[in-house]
Protein backbone atom coordinates (compact mmCIF):
# COMPACT_ATOMS: atom_id res chain seq x y z
CA ARG A 1 40.08 168.68 245.72
CA CYS A 2 37.61 171.37 246.78
CA LEU A 3 35.24 170.89 249.68
CA PRO A 4 31.52 171.16 248.92
CA PRO A 5 29.96 174.29 250.47
CA HIS A 6 27.96 172.25 253.01
CA HIS A 7 31.04 170.38 254.30
CA PRO A 8 31.41 170.87 258.09
CA HIS A 9 34.93 172.28 257.76
CA PHE A 10 33.71 174.96 255.36
CA THR A 11 30.60 175.84 257.38
CA ASN A 12 32.66 175.97 260.59
CA VAL A 13 34.99 178.49 258.96
CA LEU A 14 32.02 180.67 257.94
CA ARG A 15 30.61 180.42 261.47
CA GLU A 16 33.96 181.41 262.99
CA LEU A 17 34.38 184.35 260.60
CA GLY A 18 30.92 185.59 261.56
CA ASP A 19 31.66 185.20 265.27
CA ILE A 20 34.99 187.04 264.98
CA ALA A 21 33.43 189.92 263.06
CA PHE A 22 30.59 190.18 265.60
CA THR A 23 33.07 190.18 268.50
CA LYS A 24 34.97 193.00 266.79
CA GLU A 25 31.64 194.87 266.48
CA GLN A 26 31.81 194.62 262.69
CA TYR A 27 28.13 193.75 262.45
CA GLY A 28 27.77 194.30 258.70
CA GLU A 29 30.60 191.86 258.01
CA ALA A 30 29.23 189.39 260.55
CA LEU A 31 25.87 189.62 258.83
CA GLN A 32 27.42 188.78 255.46
CA TRP A 33 29.17 185.66 256.81
CA ASN A 34 26.04 184.51 258.62
CA ARG A 35 23.80 185.08 255.57
CA ARG A 36 26.19 183.02 253.45
CA LEU A 37 26.22 180.27 256.06
CA CYS A 38 22.43 180.36 256.33
CA ASP A 39 22.02 179.93 252.57
CA ILE A 40 24.26 176.85 252.62
CA LEU A 41 22.63 175.27 255.67
CA MET A 42 19.11 176.00 254.40
CA ALA A 43 19.93 174.08 251.22
CA VAL A 44 20.90 171.04 253.29
CA ASN A 45 18.22 171.04 256.03
CA PRO A 46 16.11 174.18 256.50
CA LYS A 47 14.60 172.93 259.77
CA SER A 48 17.80 172.09 261.64
CA SER A 49 18.96 173.59 264.91
CA ASN A 50 22.05 174.89 263.05
CA VAL A 51 19.81 176.96 260.79
CA ALA A 52 17.90 178.25 263.82
CA THR A 53 21.17 179.32 265.44
CA VAL A 54 22.30 181.14 262.31
CA TRP A 55 18.92 182.93 262.03
CA TYR A 56 19.40 183.98 265.67
CA ASN A 57 22.88 185.32 264.85
CA ILE A 58 21.51 187.17 261.82
CA GLY A 59 18.84 188.70 264.03
CA GLY A 60 21.50 189.82 266.48
CA CYS A 61 23.47 191.48 263.69
CA TYR A 62 20.42 193.33 262.42
CA TYR A 63 19.59 194.36 265.99
CA LYS A 64 23.06 195.82 266.47
CA LEU A 65 22.72 197.61 263.13
CA SER A 66 19.36 199.06 264.30
CA GLN A 67 17.56 197.37 261.41
CA LEU A 68 14.66 196.31 263.60
CA ALA A 69 12.25 194.96 260.98
CA GLU A 70 14.97 192.66 259.64
CA ALA A 71 15.96 191.66 263.19
CA GLU A 72 12.35 190.81 263.97
CA ASN A 73 12.04 188.70 260.82
CA ALA A 74 15.28 186.76 261.43
CA LEU A 75 14.50 186.12 265.10
CA SER A 76 10.98 185.01 264.19
CA GLN A 77 12.50 182.52 261.71
CA ALA A 78 14.80 181.21 264.45
CA LEU A 79 11.94 180.92 266.93
CA LYS A 80 9.74 179.10 264.42
CA ILE A 81 12.40 176.42 263.89
CA MET A 82 13.31 176.21 267.59
CA THR A 83 9.73 175.70 268.76
CA ALA A 84 9.41 172.81 266.29
CA ILE A 85 12.59 171.17 267.63
CA TYR A 86 12.88 171.95 271.34
CA PRO A 87 10.43 171.50 274.22
CA ALA A 88 8.68 174.57 275.63
CA GLY A 89 10.85 176.46 278.10
CA ASP A 90 14.14 175.40 276.49
CA ASP A 91 16.96 177.92 277.02
CA SER A 92 17.37 178.45 273.26
CA ILE A 93 13.72 179.44 272.93
CA SER A 94 13.83 181.68 276.02
CA THR A 95 16.96 183.49 274.81
CA THR A 96 15.46 184.09 271.37
CA GLU A 97 12.18 185.30 272.84
CA CYS A 98 14.11 187.67 275.09
CA LEU A 99 16.04 189.25 272.19
CA LEU A 100 12.86 189.45 270.13
CA HIS A 101 11.22 191.29 273.05
CA PHE A 102 14.07 193.84 273.04
CA VAL A 103 13.57 194.34 269.29
CA TRP A 104 9.85 194.94 269.82
CA GLN A 105 10.56 197.38 272.66
CA GLN A 106 12.81 199.45 270.40
CA LYS A 107 10.61 199.08 267.35
CA PHE A 108 7.39 200.10 269.10
CA GLY A 109 8.92 202.33 271.78
CA GLN A 110 7.47 200.42 274.72
């Protein structure tokens, strides 16, 4: 019997594959795993903290690939979800804002 794509075992495997590829500095591959995971999680609950985390990971991949417009978009998606879920000043929000600031610095040369 096959697991449905949104089953936790399947999504955990995708998450792990993305993390391993990112650790090995294979950012394009990490991006592919994270995009696939994002599509599945978005179909289940687009406003969940899991989706926010995956958007953050996607943003990190784009940042490492120097695709700054895409990084900005992904991190903005993560921040939008996080600010709806977490209280102001939460570590998740602060970390995302920090990476987004780095993207803006590189993008606008400030």
